[in-house]
Amino acid sequence: MRRFIYSGCSFTCYPFPTWADVIAYDKIKRGEIDTAHNLAMGGACNHYIFSSLLMAKSKLDINHEDLIGIGWSTIWRHSLIDPDKVQWQTLGSLFHNLS
């Protein structure tokens, strides 16, 4: 089973289709992949993007047949891991900004 696994910031995960959603849809319609997994989060920093794909490597058992897509963010964006919720806080997004 071939998959398209992708991660990024809000340009990759947004309420309307992004570049990655269009690629996933097209490849599924053509029969080139079976499923798609979007790991992106709005406001995510590059550390989150890299970490999400590393975690997916073990959880999804990524192999040489899978397609990986990365939409890197800006170097000035920083995300934090909230120790109380044990999840990422992506403060780079307008929707997640605490101020």
Protein backbone atom coordinates (compact mmCIF):
# COMPACT_ATOMS: atom_id res chain seq x y z
CA MET A 1 0.00 0.00 0.00
CA ARG A 2 1.50 3.34 -1.09
CA ARG A 3 0.83 6.42 1.01
CA PHE A 4 1.42 10.15 0.81
CA ILE A 5 2.55 11.44 4.20
CA TYR A 6 3.03 15.18 4.55
CA SER A 7 3.61 17.84 7.17
CA GLY A 8 4.02 21.59 7.31
CA CYS A 9 2.48 24.78 8.68
CA SER A 10 -0.81 26.48 7.76
CA PHE A 11 0.11 26.42 4.06
CA THR A 12 -0.22 22.63 4.40
CA CYS A 13 -3.14 22.42 6.86
CA TYR A 14 -5.93 24.95 6.46
CA PRO A 15 -9.76 24.90 6.24
CA PHE A 16 -9.59 25.02 2.43
CA PRO A 17 -7.50 22.64 0.27
CA THR A 18 -3.76 23.29 0.27
CA TRP A 19 -0.98 22.25 -2.12
CA ALA A 20 -0.63 18.94 -0.30
CA ASP A 21 -4.36 18.17 -0.38
CA VAL A 22 -4.42 18.79 -4.14
CA ILE A 23 -1.43 16.46 -4.66
CA ALA A 24 -3.00 13.80 -2.43
CA TYR A 25 -6.34 14.01 -4.23
CA ASP A 26 -4.70 13.84 -7.66
CA LYS A 27 -2.50 10.87 -6.77
CA ILE A 28 -5.40 8.95 -5.21
CA LYS A 29 -7.58 9.58 -8.29
CA ARG A 30 -4.76 8.34 -10.56
CA GLY A 31 -4.25 5.24 -8.42
CA GLU A 32 -0.65 6.16 -7.59
CA ILE A 33 -1.29 6.08 -3.81
CA ASP A 34 -3.93 4.46 -1.61
CA THR A 35 -4.13 6.87 1.33
CA ALA A 36 -2.87 10.25 2.51
CA HIS A 37 -1.86 11.36 6.01
CA ASN A 38 -1.72 15.09 6.82
CA LEU A 39 0.45 15.73 9.90
CA ALA A 40 0.57 19.51 9.44
CA MET A 41 -0.52 22.09 11.99
CA GLY A 42 -1.27 25.77 11.47
CA GLY A 43 1.50 27.97 12.90
CA ALA A 44 3.96 25.09 13.19
CA CYS A 45 7.70 25.69 13.27
CA ASN A 46 10.28 23.62 11.41
CA HIS A 47 11.08 21.68 14.58
CA TYR A 48 7.46 20.51 14.80
CA ILE A 49 7.41 19.63 11.08
CA PHE A 50 10.60 17.55 11.38
CA SER A 51 9.44 15.91 14.64
CA SER A 52 6.02 15.00 13.24
CA LEU A 53 7.63 13.15 10.35
CA LEU A 54 10.09 11.37 12.66
CA MET A 55 7.21 10.21 14.86
CA ALA A 56 5.29 9.09 11.77
CA LYS A 57 8.29 7.03 10.68
CA SER A 58 7.78 4.70 13.61
CA LYS A 59 3.99 4.96 14.02
CA LEU A 60 3.12 4.53 10.35
CA ASP A 61 6.11 2.32 9.51
CA ILE A 62 7.21 4.51 6.58
CA ASN A 63 8.99 2.56 3.85
CA HIS A 64 10.61 3.21 0.46
CA GLU A 65 7.28 3.08 -1.40
CA ASP A 66 5.73 5.95 0.57
CA LEU A 67 5.76 9.50 -0.72
CA ILE A 68 6.80 12.25 1.74
CA GLY A 69 5.86 15.91 1.37
CA ILE A 70 7.30 18.74 3.47
CA GLY A 71 6.17 22.36 3.50
CA TRP A 72 8.88 24.07 5.57
CA SER A 73 7.95 27.11 7.63
CA THR A 74 9.92 30.26 8.39
CA ILE A 75 12.97 30.11 10.68
CA TRP A 76 11.44 32.80 12.94
CA ARG A 77 8.49 30.64 13.96
CA HIS A 78 8.79 28.74 17.26
CA SER A 79 6.43 26.15 18.71
CA LEU A 80 6.42 24.76 22.24
CA ILE A 81 5.44 21.48 23.80
CA ASP A 82 2.85 22.10 26.52
CA PRO A 83 3.87 19.75 29.38
CA ASP A 84 0.38 19.80 30.92
CA LYS A 85 -1.39 18.71 27.75
CA VAL A 86 1.59 16.82 26.25
CA GLN A 87 0.93 18.42 22.88
CA TRP A 88 2.42 21.09 20.66
CA GLN A 89 1.45 24.75 21.12
CA THR A 90 1.97 26.45 17.77
CA LEU A 91 2.11 30.13 18.62
CA GLY A 92 3.03 31.17 15.08
CA SER A 93 -0.57 31.03 13.88
CA LEU A 94 -3.08 33.87 14.20
CA PHE A 95 -5.58 31.34 15.47
CA HIS A 96 -3.26 30.04 18.19
CA ASN A 97 -1.59 33.26 19.33
CA LEU A 98 -2.13 33.79 23.05
CA SER A 99 -1.62 37.58 23.02
